[in-house]
Protein backbone atom coordinates (compact mmCIF):
# COMPACT_ATOMS: atom_id res chain seq x y z
CA MET A 1 49.52 -35.88 64.52
CA SER A 2 51.73 -38.23 61.32
CA GLY A 3 52.14 -36.47 57.78
CA GLY A 4 49.75 -39.94 57.01
CA GLU A 5 46.74 -38.10 59.02
CA VAL A 6 46.86 -35.12 57.67
CA ILE A 7 46.86 -36.13 54.57
CA GLY A 8 43.92 -38.31 54.81
CA ASP A 9 42.28 -35.47 57.02
CA ILE A 10 42.89 -33.21 54.09
CA ALA A 11 41.54 -36.04 51.89
CA GLN A 12 38.30 -36.70 53.61
CA GLY A 13 37.47 -32.56 53.73
CA ALA A 14 37.94 -32.76 49.66
CA LEU A 15 35.20 -35.29 49.76
CA THR A 16 33.01 -33.26 51.84
CA ALA A 17 33.47 -30.51 50.39
CA ARG A 18 32.89 -32.48 46.63
CA ALA A 19 29.85 -33.64 48.55
CA PHE A 20 28.37 -30.21 48.92
CA GLU A 21 29.82 -28.08 46.22
CA PRO A 22 28.76 -29.21 42.16
CA ALA A 23 31.99 -30.39 40.49
CA HIS A 24 33.17 -28.10 36.97
CA GLY A 25 30.19 -28.19 34.50
CA GLU A 26 27.47 -30.51 37.33
CA ALA A 27 24.96 -28.83 37.86
CA ALA A 28 24.15 -26.83 40.99
CA ASP A 29 20.92 -27.39 43.28
CA ASP A 30 19.48 -24.36 41.73
CA GLY A 31 19.70 -25.56 38.03
CA HIS A 32 22.41 -23.51 36.78
CA THR A 33 25.80 -24.42 36.03
CA HIS A 34 28.84 -22.12 37.43
CA GLU A 35 31.47 -22.18 34.29
CA SER A 36 34.71 -20.32 34.08
CA ALA A 37 34.56 -21.50 29.80
CA CYS A 38 31.68 -21.11 27.52
CA LEU A 39 30.42 -24.72 27.04
CA ASN A 40 29.46 -24.24 23.95
CA CYS A 41 32.72 -23.04 22.27
CA GLY A 42 35.37 -23.05 25.76
CA THR A 43 36.42 -19.08 25.24
CA ALA A 44 37.25 -17.83 28.27
CA LEU A 45 34.15 -16.24 30.09
CA VAL A 46 34.71 -12.54 30.67
CA GLY A 47 31.10 -11.49 31.15
CA ARG A 48 27.47 -13.22 31.34
CA HIS A 49 27.48 -14.01 27.53
CA CYS A 50 30.50 -15.44 25.39
CA HIS A 51 32.20 -12.47 23.61
CA GLU A 52 32.81 -15.57 20.79
CA CYS A 53 29.36 -17.85 20.30
CA GLY A 54 27.13 -15.43 22.54
CA GLN A 55 26.20 -17.99 24.33
CA ALA A 56 24.77 -17.13 27.99
CA ALA A 57 27.29 -17.64 30.98
CA HIS A 58 25.02 -19.42 33.18
CA VAL A 59 23.11 -22.34 31.68
CA HIS A 60 19.34 -23.22 33.11
CA LYS A 61 18.81 -26.95 33.74
CA THR A 62 15.00 -27.12 35.53
CA LEU A 63 11.74 -27.09 33.67
CA ARG A 64 10.90 -24.19 34.85
CA ALA A 65 13.52 -22.08 33.27
CA PHE A 66 12.89 -24.06 30.03
CA PHE A 67 9.41 -22.53 30.13
CA HIS A 68 10.67 -19.04 31.40
CA ASP A 69 12.98 -19.06 28.23
CA LEU A 70 10.39 -20.24 26.39
CA LEU A 71 8.00 -17.45 27.56
CA HIS A 72 11.34 -15.23 27.18
CA GLY A 73 11.81 -16.08 23.93
CA VAL A 74 8.31 -15.33 22.86
CA PHE A 75 7.65 -11.68 24.84
CA HIS A 76 10.94 -11.13 23.21
CA PHE A 77 9.54 -11.59 19.77
CA GLU A 78 6.05 -9.80 20.78
CA GLY A 79 7.94 -6.53 21.92
CA LYS A 80 9.83 -6.10 18.63
CA VAL A 81 6.39 -7.08 16.39
CA TRP A 82 4.97 -4.28 18.52
CA ARG A 83 7.55 -1.30 17.68
CA THR A 84 7.59 -2.59 14.02
CA LEU A 85 3.86 -3.08 13.42
CA PRO A 86 3.16 0.35 14.23
CA LEU A 87 5.55 1.63 12.70
CA LEU A 88 5.09 -0.57 8.92
CA ALA A 89 1.55 0.75 8.84
CA TRP A 90 1.66 4.31 9.37
CA ARG A 91 5.10 4.74 8.71
CA PRO A 92 6.66 2.13 6.60
CA GLY A 93 9.20 4.24 5.02
CA ARG A 94 10.98 4.85 8.06
CA LEU A 95 11.01 1.65 9.01
CA THR A 96 12.62 0.53 5.92
CA ARG A 97 15.38 3.49 6.41
CA GLU A 98 16.03 2.02 9.99
CA TYR A 99 16.43 -1.06 9.04
CA VAL A 100 18.54 -0.13 5.52
CA ALA A 101 20.78 2.32 8.33
CA ARG A 102 21.17 -0.67 10.19
CA ARG A 103 19.24 0.16 13.16
CA ARG A 104 17.75 -2.91 13.64
CA ALA A 105 17.79 -4.66 16.63
CA SER A 106 14.29 -3.09 17.84
CA TYR A 107 12.68 -4.17 15.28
CA VAL A 108 11.82 -7.58 13.62
CA SER A 109 13.99 -8.13 10.17
CA PRO A 110 12.05 -8.11 6.74
CA ILE A 111 12.18 -11.61 6.21
CA ALA A 112 10.96 -12.80 9.41
CA LEU A 113 8.36 -10.44 8.94
CA PHE A 114 7.32 -11.30 5.45
CA LEU A 115 7.38 -15.24 6.88
CA PHE A 116 5.16 -14.75 10.17
CA VAL A 117 2.89 -12.47 7.89
CA VAL A 118 2.31 -15.41 4.95
CA PHE A 119 1.75 -17.71 7.57
CA LEU A 120 -0.58 -15.97 9.42
CA THR A 121 -2.81 -14.88 5.84
CA PHE A 122 -2.98 -18.04 4.95
CA ALA A 123 -4.01 -19.28 8.58
CA VAL A 124 -7.05 -16.42 8.38
CA PHE A 125 -7.88 -17.99 4.68
CA ASN A 126 -8.07 -22.04 6.20
CA VAL A 127 -10.22 -20.57 8.85
CA LEU A 128 -12.24 -18.30 6.81
CA GLY A 129 -12.83 -21.04 3.92
CA ASN A 130 -12.78 -21.08 0.43
CA PRO A 131 -14.64 -18.00 -1.14
CA ILE A 132 -15.31 -19.17 -4.75
CA SER A 133 -18.31 -21.46 -5.31
CA PHE A 134 -18.04 -24.26 -7.30
CA ASP A 135 -21.63 -24.30 -7.67
CA ASN A 136 -21.34 -24.88 -11.53
CA GLN A 137 -24.51 -26.65 -12.93
CA GLY A 138 -25.98 -24.11 -14.50
CA GLU A 139 -22.85 -22.95 -16.37
CA ASN A 140 -22.15 -26.11 -17.22
CA VAL A 141 -26.18 -27.48 -18.80
CA GLY A 142 -25.05 -23.49 -20.59
CA PHE A 143 -22.37 -25.04 -21.81
CA GLU A 144 -23.73 -28.25 -23.48
CA ARG A 145 -26.43 -26.22 -24.91
CA GLY A 146 -24.24 -24.05 -27.00
CA ILE A 147 -21.58 -26.95 -28.06
CA GLY A 148 -25.23 -28.66 -29.56
CA GLU A 149 -26.17 -25.46 -31.01
CA ALA A 150 -23.15 -25.34 -32.39
CA GLU A 151 -22.73 -28.80 -33.43
CA GLN A 152 -26.02 -28.62 -35.04
CA GLY A 153 -25.09 -25.61 -37.35
CA ALA A 154 -21.73 -27.50 -38.40
CA VAL A 155 -23.39 -30.52 -39.38
CA LEU A 156 -26.17 -28.05 -41.11
CA GLU A 157 -22.72 -26.66 -43.28
CA LEU A 158 -21.52 -29.75 -43.43
CA ASP A 159 -24.26 -31.10 -45.63
CA LYS A 160 -24.17 -27.54 -47.62
CA ALA A 161 -20.91 -28.18 -48.39
CA GLU A 162 -21.04 -31.40 -49.26
CA GLN A 163 -24.09 -30.92 -51.74
CA ALA A 164 -22.75 -28.42 -53.36
CA LEU A 165 -19.41 -30.78 -53.83
CA ALA A 166 -21.92 -33.27 -55.47
CA ASP A 167 -23.85 -30.75 -57.92
CA ALA A 168 -20.09 -29.07 -59.27
CA ARG A 169 -18.97 -32.68 -59.75
CA ALA A 170 -22.24 -32.96 -61.45
CA GLY A 171 -21.71 -30.37 -63.82
CA LYS A 172 -24.26 -27.69 -62.29
CA GLY A 173 -22.20 -25.34 -61.16
CA GLY A 174 -19.46 -24.29 -58.95
CA ASN A 175 -15.60 -24.49 -58.85
CA VAL A 176 -14.86 -28.37 -57.55
CA ALA A 177 -11.61 -27.48 -56.02
CA GLN A 178 -13.34 -24.95 -53.58
CA ALA A 179 -16.24 -26.93 -53.14
CA GLU A 180 -13.79 -29.47 -51.94
CA ARG A 181 -12.13 -27.41 -49.95
CA GLN A 182 -15.15 -26.11 -48.02
CA VAL A 183 -15.80 -29.40 -47.10
CA ALA A 184 -13.00 -30.31 -45.30
CA SER A 185 -13.28 -26.52 -43.87
CA ALA A 186 -16.53 -28.01 -42.52
CA ARG A 187 -15.78 -31.45 -41.59
CA GLN A 188 -12.47 -29.78 -40.29
CA ALA A 189 -14.96 -27.40 -38.20
CA LEU A 190 -17.16 -30.07 -36.64
CA THR A 191 -14.52 -32.29 -35.56
CA VAL A 192 -13.20 -28.89 -33.41
CA ILE A 193 -16.88 -29.04 -32.30
CA ARG A 194 -17.32 -32.77 -30.98
CA ALA A 195 -13.70 -32.87 -29.23
CA ALA A 196 -14.66 -29.69 -27.80
CA ARG A 197 -16.84 -31.63 -25.85
CA ASN A 198 -14.57 -33.55 -24.52
CA GLY A 199 -12.24 -31.23 -23.55
CA ARG A 200 -9.29 -31.67 -25.78
CA LEU A 201 -8.14 -30.95 -29.47
CA PRO A 202 -7.25 -33.54 -32.13
CA ASP A 203 -3.53 -33.97 -32.51
CA ASN A 204 -3.71 -33.19 -35.94
CA ILE A 205 -5.69 -29.94 -35.35
CA ALA A 206 -4.52 -28.83 -32.19
CA ASN A 207 -1.08 -29.16 -34.08
CA ALA A 208 -1.95 -26.94 -37.37
CA ASP A 209 0.01 -24.22 -38.15
CA ARG A 210 1.29 -24.10 -33.95
CA PRO A 211 4.43 -21.78 -34.37
CA ALA A 212 7.38 -22.99 -32.11
CA ASP A 213 6.72 -20.42 -29.34
CA GLN A 214 3.54 -22.03 -27.69
CA SER A 215 4.86 -23.74 -25.59
CA VAL A 216 3.63 -21.21 -22.27
CA VAL A 217 0.29 -21.21 -23.98
CA ASP A 218 0.11 -24.48 -24.20
CA ALA A 219 0.90 -25.29 -20.69
CA ILE A 220 -1.81 -22.34 -19.55
CA ASN A 221 -4.54 -24.14 -21.75
CA ARG A 222 -4.13 -27.55 -20.43
CA ALA A 223 -4.45 -25.75 -16.51
CA TRP A 224 -7.73 -24.44 -17.98
CA ALA A 225 -9.19 -27.52 -18.86
CA HIS A 226 -7.73 -28.84 -15.51
CA ALA A 227 -9.29 -26.41 -13.77
CA ARG A 228 -12.88 -27.03 -15.37
CA GLU A 229 -12.79 -30.81 -14.67
CA ASN A 230 -12.00 -30.40 -10.85
CA PRO A 231 -12.17 -26.73 -9.56
CA GLU A 232 -11.38 -27.89 -5.99
CA LEU A 233 -8.25 -29.63 -6.65
CA THR A 234 -6.78 -26.90 -8.84
CA VAL A 235 -8.03 -24.09 -6.05
CA TYR A 236 -5.91 -26.40 -3.26
CA LYS A 237 -3.47 -26.54 -5.37
CA LEU A 238 -2.72 -22.80 -6.09
CA GLN A 239 -3.52 -22.28 -2.37
CA ASN A 240 -0.35 -24.50 -1.35
CA SER A 241 1.38 -22.87 -4.58
CA ALA A 242 0.72 -19.86 -3.34
CA TYR A 243 1.69 -20.51 -0.05
CA LYS A 244 4.59 -22.56 -0.53
CA PHE A 245 6.02 -19.88 -3.37
CA SER A 246 5.14 -16.46 -1.43
CA TRP A 247 8.54 -15.50 -0.97
CA LEU A 248 9.09 -15.68 -5.26
CA LEU A 249 6.99 -12.27 -4.76
CA ILE A 250 10.19 -10.85 -3.58
CA PRO A 251 12.37 -11.62 -6.27
CA LEU A 252 9.64 -10.67 -8.83
CA SER A 253 9.17 -7.61 -7.49
CA VAL A 254 13.14 -5.85 -6.59
CA PRO A 255 13.25 -5.70 -10.57
CA PHE A 256 10.33 -3.64 -11.12
CA MET A 257 11.69 -1.00 -7.71
CA TRP A 258 15.19 -0.75 -9.74
CA LEU A 259 12.79 0.80 -12.72
CA LEU A 260 11.89 3.23 -10.33
CA PHE A 261 15.53 4.43 -9.73
CA PRO A 262 17.68 3.56 -12.70
CA PHE A 263 20.15 5.86 -12.25
CA SER A 264 20.61 6.66 -8.96
CA ARG A 265 23.50 5.39 -7.11
CA ARG A 266 22.38 6.23 -3.73
CA PHE A 267 19.77 3.00 -3.87
CA HIS A 268 21.15 -0.32 -4.04
CA LEU A 269 19.37 -3.74 -4.64
CA TYR A 270 19.86 -4.13 -1.00
CA ASP A 271 17.35 -0.88 -0.09
CA HIS A 272 15.04 -1.83 -2.42
CA THR A 273 14.71 -5.52 -1.30
CA VAL A 274 14.05 -4.14 1.59
CA PHE A 275 11.80 -2.24 0.75
CA VAL A 276 9.78 -4.76 -1.30
CA THR A 277 9.53 -7.24 1.57
CA TYR A 278 8.38 -4.40 4.21
CA SER A 279 5.73 -3.53 1.47
CA LEU A 280 4.71 -6.93 0.82
CA SER A 281 4.17 -7.81 4.75
CA PHE A 282 1.78 -4.88 5.15
CA MET A 283 -0.19 -5.69 1.88
CA LEU A 284 -0.51 -9.65 2.91
CA LEU A 285 -1.71 -8.26 6.33
CA LEU A 286 -3.94 -5.83 4.99
CA LEU A 287 -5.48 -8.51 2.52
CA ALA A 288 -5.92 -10.91 5.45
CA VAL A 289 -7.74 -8.09 7.20
CA ILE A 290 -10.48 -7.33 4.77
CA SER A 291 -10.71 -10.43 4.40
CA VAL A 292 -11.94 -11.37 7.53
CA LEU A 293 -13.84 -7.97 7.54
CA THR A 294 -15.76 -8.75 4.31
CA VAL A 295 -16.84 -12.06 6.03
CA TRP A 296 -17.83 -11.54 9.60
CA ALA A 297 -18.66 -8.29 9.64
CA GLY A 298 -19.65 -7.07 5.63
CA THR A 299 -18.35 -3.63 6.65
CA GLY A 300 -18.58 -2.75 3.16
CA GLY A 301 -17.20 1.19 3.93
CA LEU A 302 -14.31 0.05 5.68
CA VAL A 303 -13.15 -2.40 3.52
CA ALA A 304 -13.07 0.55 0.51
CA ALA A 305 -11.07 2.34 3.42
CA LEU A 306 -8.61 0.02 3.79
CA ILE A 307 -8.01 -0.75 -0.43
CA ALA A 308 -8.00 2.73 -0.82
CA TYR A 309 -4.85 3.12 1.59
CA ALA A 310 -2.98 0.60 -0.01
CA PRO A 311 -1.41 2.93 -2.50
CA PHE A 312 -1.41 5.44 0.02
CA HIS A 313 0.90 3.59 1.87
CA MET A 314 3.48 3.01 -0.93
CA TYR A 315 3.35 6.65 -1.12
CA ARG A 316 4.51 6.26 2.43
CA GLN A 317 6.87 4.41 2.40
CA LEU A 318 8.17 5.69 -0.94
CA ARG A 319 8.41 9.21 -0.16
CA ASP A 320 10.06 8.33 3.68
CA ALA A 321 12.30 5.40 2.50
CA TYR A 322 13.91 7.45 -0.75
CA GLU A 323 13.26 11.06 0.79
CA LEU A 324 11.44 12.08 -2.11
CA SER A 325 9.91 15.30 -2.72
CA ARG A 326 6.22 15.36 -2.96
CA PHE A 327 5.81 14.66 -7.19
CA GLY A 328 8.88 12.31 -7.04
CA ALA A 329 6.67 10.00 -4.93
CA TRP A 330 3.32 10.69 -6.83
CA TRP A 331 4.44 9.93 -9.90
CA ARG A 332 6.58 6.97 -8.68
CA THR A 333 3.80 5.73 -6.92
CA TRP A 334 1.20 4.92 -9.90
CA PHE A 335 4.28 3.17 -11.72
CA LEU A 336 4.48 1.12 -8.81
CA SER A 337 0.99 0.30 -8.53
CA ALA A 338 1.65 -0.62 -12.19
CA PHE A 339 4.40 -3.17 -11.56
CA ALA A 340 2.86 -4.17 -8.20
CA VAL A 341 0.18 -5.84 -10.40
CA LEU A 342 2.50 -6.82 -13.37
CA ALA A 343 4.27 -9.42 -10.57
CA LEU A 344 1.45 -10.24 -9.27
CA GLY A 345 0.20 -11.74 -12.99
CA LEU A 346 3.93 -12.61 -13.80
CA PHE A 347 3.85 -15.01 -10.02
CA ALA A 348 0.03 -16.01 -10.47
CA THR A 349 1.38 -17.84 -14.40
CA VAL A 350 4.38 -19.23 -12.36
CA LEU A 351 1.53 -20.90 -10.04
CA THR A 352 -0.89 -22.17 -13.12
CA LEU A 353 1.99 -23.70 -14.91
CA MET A 354 3.45 -24.95 -11.42
CA VAL A 355 -0.10 -26.73 -11.49
CA ALA A 356 -0.31 -27.70 -14.93
CA ALA A 357 2.81 -29.55 -15.01
């Protein structure tokens, strides 16, 4: 056999081999790729995953593999959820301590759990519907009746003041300057009452004797006026703002947590942030459960027990997370409950200003 024939046979064999074996980077018949280097970053592979970027060595390229990855991702997350939720509900301090101590592979991270719970809570609220009734016809009738009576009284007072001024000027008794001030005051009162019927004060009255630091109060008053005009739109805006800016509860709450341990060097802002995020996640879940039970089941006794469990949950989380004594966790629970109300008030104020803007 000549050298040319040998070379031809070798080339033919190579072509035949290529027909049955996929080339480097091409898909095999089983839907895998067989690589010696990572397809993502090019690092030489040592094991089943790249040690630089974490991508799997063998990449699936079939439709069945796609749905397998989808189910794996869902159940992998669910596996973490079912390990996290029992601790969050009954041993929240242990969960907080585990995460702060960097033992995290088995649990859902605080921020991921918080975002998931926020989505779940507002989905529940949308399903249950708006619990606020806007049938305020009776309230409006009462308001109109009251404003009408106030206007009649202001008109009578103005007539009396003007008659007293006329008598003073005619020399029938009384101080003219004082009578003029009473007339001006009565006219101003009547103007305010008539303007209140339209939901807006005149600028010369609204800005009279007003300090410079009333801008926040003015914004809240405007928000209240808008809410009276269109309560459905106001609640819709508040719900959307609460959903979008619910993360603000975390930075608003962390400073209050720091106040519970102001001189401690063992705990840092990161520890308090993990504590607050897990605690808020549980409270939102508790609120969702209470809402469902109230609307669909109407079980008042169970709802009252769940509401009472909220401060006890704070106590358990404080005691285990910060390794406190019973007394130390007890008195901090009282302050934490008050701080929670303050944080919610600040959050509600921010939302009100956003709606008023």
